[in-house]
Amino acid sequence: MAEPNSSSTPGERRVRISGIRKIIADRMALSHTQIPGVHVVEECDLTNVDLSKIVAITSASIGLLAAKYPYFNAHVIESEIVCFDECNVAIAVDTPRGLMVPVIRNVGNLDVKEIDAEVRRLAILAREGRLTSADITGATITLTSPGKRGGVVATPLISHPQTAIVGVHRAVPRAVIRSGEMVIRTISNVTVTFDHRVIDGATAGDYTIELCRLLESSAQI
């Protein structure tokens, strides 16, 4: 938590960066300086998707893609790419104490209902300040979903040493063309920020398109 700095002079207020905010600041600086993050943005039609479960649905979709796209479920450690058999998705939760990022483990072996229950459990623990170290470690990829509080598009930073972060942004009614006719659909922009040292743009584009198709057909997940 940021704290007032006693060195403030009249006419200004200085706030010391400390606690959770200091940890976040250090991680973001590390990401920005060490990871060449590049962003892919794709429109996703969420008209038929239960938006109250979008974090769970997206986590399940990320888990389904992990085997086909192992470099998105990986860490870069020195000169090695470390790919993981399990897909552990960190989810960003806004709390009174700052941003917390608990981890949903092994999403590839869970269905949407199970993931949704875990999302809600972890979010409650995060907001009550009761997360343990086991709850916030071991992530292989991160998902951020700001919903109504976020913009229609954003470009999140990768959490070092991960290789990717997925963002699902505010869903809004939008006029689109379907079968040659203009219709109103609920559209969200989905971003995938990827580490360009180890993932090529074409692969990232394919991953993002497949992720959106999974979201759009989430009733089949």
Protein backbone atom coordinates (compact mmCIF):
# COMPACT_ATOMS: atom_id res chain seq x y z
CA MET A 1 0.00 0.00 0.00
CA ALA A 2 1.34 3.46 -0.88
CA GLU A 3 2.07 5.57 2.20
CA PRO A 4 2.38 9.37 2.66
CA ASN A 5 5.97 10.54 2.69
CA SER A 6 6.94 12.83 5.55
CA SER A 7 9.33 14.71 3.23
CA SER A 8 6.43 16.33 1.39
CA THR A 9 6.63 20.12 1.21
CA PRO A 10 3.74 22.63 1.18
CA GLY A 11 1.84 22.54 -2.11
CA GLU A 12 2.66 18.95 -2.90
CA ARG A 13 2.00 15.46 -1.59
CA ARG A 14 4.51 12.65 -1.96
CA VAL A 15 3.49 9.03 -1.59
CA ARG A 16 6.07 6.34 -0.92
CA ILE A 17 5.81 3.27 -3.12
CA SER A 18 5.81 0.36 -0.72
CA GLY A 19 4.22 -2.98 0.12
CA ILE A 20 2.09 -4.58 -2.59
CA ARG A 21 2.36 -1.50 -4.80
CA LYS A 22 6.18 -1.76 -4.67
CA ILE A 23 6.03 -5.43 -5.65
CA ILE A 24 3.74 -4.60 -8.57
CA ALA A 25 5.96 -1.70 -9.64
CA ASP A 26 9.09 -3.86 -9.62
CA ARG A 27 7.42 -6.65 -11.60
CA MET A 28 6.03 -4.27 -14.21
CA ALA A 29 9.44 -2.60 -14.63
CA LEU A 30 11.06 -6.02 -15.02
CA SER A 31 8.51 -7.01 -17.65
CA HIS A 32 8.87 -3.77 -19.58
CA THR A 33 12.66 -3.85 -19.65
CA GLN A 34 13.28 -7.56 -20.25
CA ILE A 35 10.33 -8.86 -22.29
CA PRO A 36 9.68 -7.63 -25.85
CA GLY A 37 5.92 -7.92 -25.53
CA VAL A 38 3.89 -7.63 -28.73
CA HIS A 39 0.10 -7.43 -28.84
CA VAL A 40 -2.46 -9.18 -31.02
CA VAL A 41 -6.04 -7.89 -30.84
CA GLU A 42 -9.01 -9.83 -32.17
CA GLU A 43 -12.75 -9.11 -32.08
CA CYS A 44 -14.74 -11.80 -30.31
CA ASP A 45 -18.51 -12.28 -30.56
CA LEU A 46 -19.74 -13.00 -27.03
CA THR A 47 -23.45 -12.64 -27.76
CA ASN A 48 -24.20 -16.22 -26.75
CA VAL A 49 -21.68 -16.37 -23.90
CA ASP A 50 -22.51 -16.17 -20.20
CA LEU A 51 -20.44 -13.09 -19.34
CA SER A 52 -20.74 -13.80 -15.61
CA LYS A 53 -18.50 -16.81 -16.25
CA ILE A 54 -16.15 -15.22 -18.79
CA VAL A 55 -13.05 -15.66 -16.61
CA ALA A 56 -13.81 -19.36 -16.14
CA ILE A 57 -14.66 -19.85 -19.81
CA THR A 58 -11.49 -18.08 -20.94
CA SER A 59 -9.38 -20.04 -18.47
CA ALA A 60 -10.84 -23.30 -19.77
CA SER A 61 -10.13 -22.21 -23.34
CA ILE A 62 -6.54 -21.31 -22.46
CA GLY A 63 -6.16 -24.77 -20.92
CA LEU A 64 -7.46 -26.43 -24.09
CA LEU A 65 -4.89 -24.57 -26.22
CA ALA A 66 -1.90 -25.26 -23.96
CA ALA A 67 -0.90 -28.57 -25.55
CA LYS A 68 -1.11 -27.23 -29.11
CA TYR A 69 0.70 -23.98 -28.26
CA PRO A 70 3.21 -24.93 -25.53
CA TYR A 71 5.22 -21.71 -25.80
CA PHE A 72 2.20 -19.78 -24.48
CA ASN A 73 2.27 -21.95 -21.36
CA ALA A 74 5.90 -21.42 -20.55
CA HIS A 75 8.57 -19.39 -18.79
CA VAL A 76 11.75 -17.95 -20.24
CA ILE A 77 14.58 -18.55 -17.78
CA GLU A 78 17.96 -17.28 -18.96
CA SER A 79 18.47 -18.94 -22.37
CA GLU A 80 15.85 -21.67 -21.99
CA ILE A 81 12.14 -21.95 -22.69
CA VAL A 82 10.56 -24.00 -19.90
CA CYS A 83 7.25 -25.50 -21.08
CA PHE A 84 4.83 -26.94 -18.53
CA ASP A 85 2.57 -29.99 -18.72
CA GLU A 86 -0.03 -28.35 -16.47
CA CYS A 87 -1.66 -25.02 -17.32
CA ASN A 88 -1.97 -22.81 -14.24
CA VAL A 89 -3.81 -19.56 -14.97
CA ALA A 90 -3.23 -16.50 -12.81
CA ILE A 91 -6.29 -14.25 -12.64
CA ALA A 92 -6.08 -10.56 -11.82
CA VAL A 93 -8.31 -9.55 -8.89
CA ASP A 94 -8.73 -5.92 -7.81
CA THR A 95 -8.81 -5.65 -4.01
CA PRO A 96 -8.71 -2.84 -1.41
CA ARG A 97 -5.07 -3.81 -0.87
CA GLY A 98 -4.17 -3.54 -4.53
CA LEU A 99 -4.04 -5.97 -7.42
CA MET A 100 -3.76 -9.62 -6.38
CA VAL A 101 -3.16 -12.48 -8.81
CA PRO A 102 -4.25 -15.87 -7.43
CA VAL A 103 -3.69 -18.98 -9.51
CA ILE A 104 -6.18 -21.55 -10.82
CA ARG A 105 -4.25 -24.79 -11.14
CA ASN A 106 -4.39 -27.39 -13.89
CA VAL A 107 -7.29 -25.79 -15.77
CA GLY A 108 -6.94 -28.37 -18.53
CA ASN A 109 -8.41 -30.99 -16.21
CA LEU A 110 -11.31 -28.85 -14.94
CA ASP A 111 -14.64 -28.00 -16.56
CA VAL A 112 -16.07 -24.48 -16.66
CA LYS A 113 -18.26 -25.04 -13.61
CA GLU A 114 -15.28 -26.21 -11.53
CA ILE A 115 -13.10 -23.34 -12.71
CA ASP A 116 -15.85 -20.81 -12.00
CA ALA A 117 -16.19 -22.09 -8.44
CA GLU A 118 -12.43 -21.76 -7.97
CA VAL A 119 -12.41 -18.25 -9.46
CA ARG A 120 -15.07 -17.14 -6.99
CA ARG A 121 -13.34 -18.83 -4.04
CA LEU A 122 -9.99 -17.21 -4.82
CA ALA A 123 -11.56 -13.80 -5.47
CA ILE A 124 -13.18 -13.87 -2.02
CA LEU A 125 -9.90 -14.85 -0.36
CA ALA A 126 -8.09 -12.10 -2.27
CA ARG A 127 -10.53 -9.38 -1.24
CA GLU A 128 -10.45 -10.56 2.37
CA GLY A 129 -6.66 -10.65 2.41
CA ARG A 130 -6.57 -14.37 3.15
CA LEU A 131 -4.59 -15.72 0.18
CA THR A 132 -1.67 -17.99 1.04
CA SER A 133 1.65 -18.16 -0.78
CA ALA A 134 0.43 -21.37 -2.43
CA ASP A 135 -2.55 -19.44 -3.85
CA ILE A 136 -0.38 -16.91 -5.69
CA THR A 137 2.57 -18.95 -6.98
CA GLY A 138 3.12 -21.35 -9.86
CA ALA A 139 1.31 -19.50 -12.67
CA THR A 140 2.21 -20.46 -16.22
CA ILE A 141 0.09 -17.77 -17.95
CA THR A 142 -2.01 -14.81 -16.80
CA LEU A 143 -5.56 -13.73 -17.63
CA THR A 144 -6.90 -10.25 -17.01
CA SER A 145 -10.57 -9.38 -17.50
CA PRO A 146 -11.33 -5.81 -16.38
CA GLY A 147 -14.94 -6.05 -17.56
CA LYS A 148 -16.99 -2.86 -17.21
CA ARG A 149 -14.14 -1.08 -15.41
CA GLY A 150 -11.73 -1.50 -18.30
CA GLY A 151 -11.55 0.05 -21.74
CA VAL A 152 -12.72 -1.58 -24.93
CA VAL A 153 -9.07 -2.53 -25.54
CA ALA A 154 -5.87 -2.52 -23.51
CA THR A 155 -2.36 -3.94 -23.87
CA PRO A 156 -1.42 -5.66 -20.60
CA LEU A 157 2.18 -6.43 -19.67
CA ILE A 158 3.41 -10.00 -19.37
CA SER A 159 4.19 -11.19 -15.85
CA HIS A 160 7.88 -12.11 -15.85
CA PRO A 161 9.05 -14.86 -16.56
CA GLN A 162 5.83 -15.96 -18.30
CA THR A 163 5.59 -15.73 -22.08
CA ALA A 164 2.00 -14.48 -22.51
CA ILE A 165 -0.96 -12.71 -20.97
CA VAL A 166 -4.54 -12.79 -22.25
CA GLY A 167 -6.92 -9.86 -21.83
CA VAL A 168 -10.70 -9.98 -22.31
CA HIS A 169 -12.05 -6.45 -22.43
CA ARG A 170 -15.40 -4.74 -22.06
CA ALA A 171 -18.17 -6.33 -24.11
CA VAL A 172 -20.34 -3.79 -25.92
CA PRO A 173 -23.19 -3.85 -28.48
CA ARG A 174 -21.70 -3.32 -31.91
CA ALA A 175 -23.03 -3.32 -35.46
CA VAL A 176 -21.39 -6.12 -37.46
CA ILE A 177 -22.03 -7.88 -40.75
CA ARG A 178 -23.35 -11.44 -40.62
CA SER A 179 -24.42 -13.29 -43.78
CA GLY A 180 -24.39 -10.00 -45.68
CA GLU A 181 -26.66 -8.20 -43.23
CA MET A 182 -25.95 -5.71 -40.47
CA VAL A 183 -26.86 -7.00 -37.02
CA ILE A 184 -26.16 -5.95 -33.43
CA ARG A 185 -23.92 -8.34 -31.53
CA THR A 186 -22.11 -8.25 -28.19
CA ILE A 187 -18.47 -7.81 -29.12
CA SER A 188 -15.37 -7.85 -26.96
CA ASN A 189 -11.79 -7.21 -27.95
CA VAL A 190 -9.45 -9.99 -26.86
CA THR A 191 -5.76 -9.21 -26.58
CA VAL A 192 -2.87 -11.62 -26.39
CA THR A 193 0.46 -10.10 -25.42
CA PHE A 194 3.29 -12.49 -26.25
CA ASP A 195 7.05 -12.65 -25.74
CA HIS A 196 8.45 -12.06 -29.22
CA ARG A 197 11.77 -13.64 -28.29
CA VAL A 198 10.19 -17.08 -28.37
CA ILE A 199 6.82 -16.69 -30.14
CA ASP A 200 6.42 -15.51 -33.73
CA GLY A 201 3.66 -13.14 -34.80
CA ALA A 202 1.98 -15.66 -37.11
CA THR A 203 1.75 -18.21 -34.31
CA ALA A 204 0.37 -15.58 -31.93
CA GLY A 205 -2.24 -14.63 -34.50
CA ASP A 206 -3.32 -18.25 -34.90
CA TYR A 207 -3.49 -18.68 -31.11
CA THR A 208 -5.63 -15.57 -30.67
CA ILE A 209 -8.07 -16.55 -33.42
CA GLU A 210 -8.45 -20.06 -32.01
CA LEU A 211 -8.95 -18.65 -28.51
CA CYS A 212 -11.76 -16.41 -29.78
CA ARG A 213 -13.42 -19.27 -31.61
CA LEU A 214 -13.36 -21.33 -28.40
CA LEU A 215 -14.91 -18.44 -26.46
CA GLU A 216 -17.63 -17.98 -29.06
CA SER A 217 -18.52 -21.67 -28.92
CA SER A 218 -18.08 -21.96 -25.17
CA ALA A 219 -21.26 -23.99 -24.71
CA GLN A 220 -19.27 -26.88 -26.18
CA ILE A 221 -16.34 -26.56 -23.71
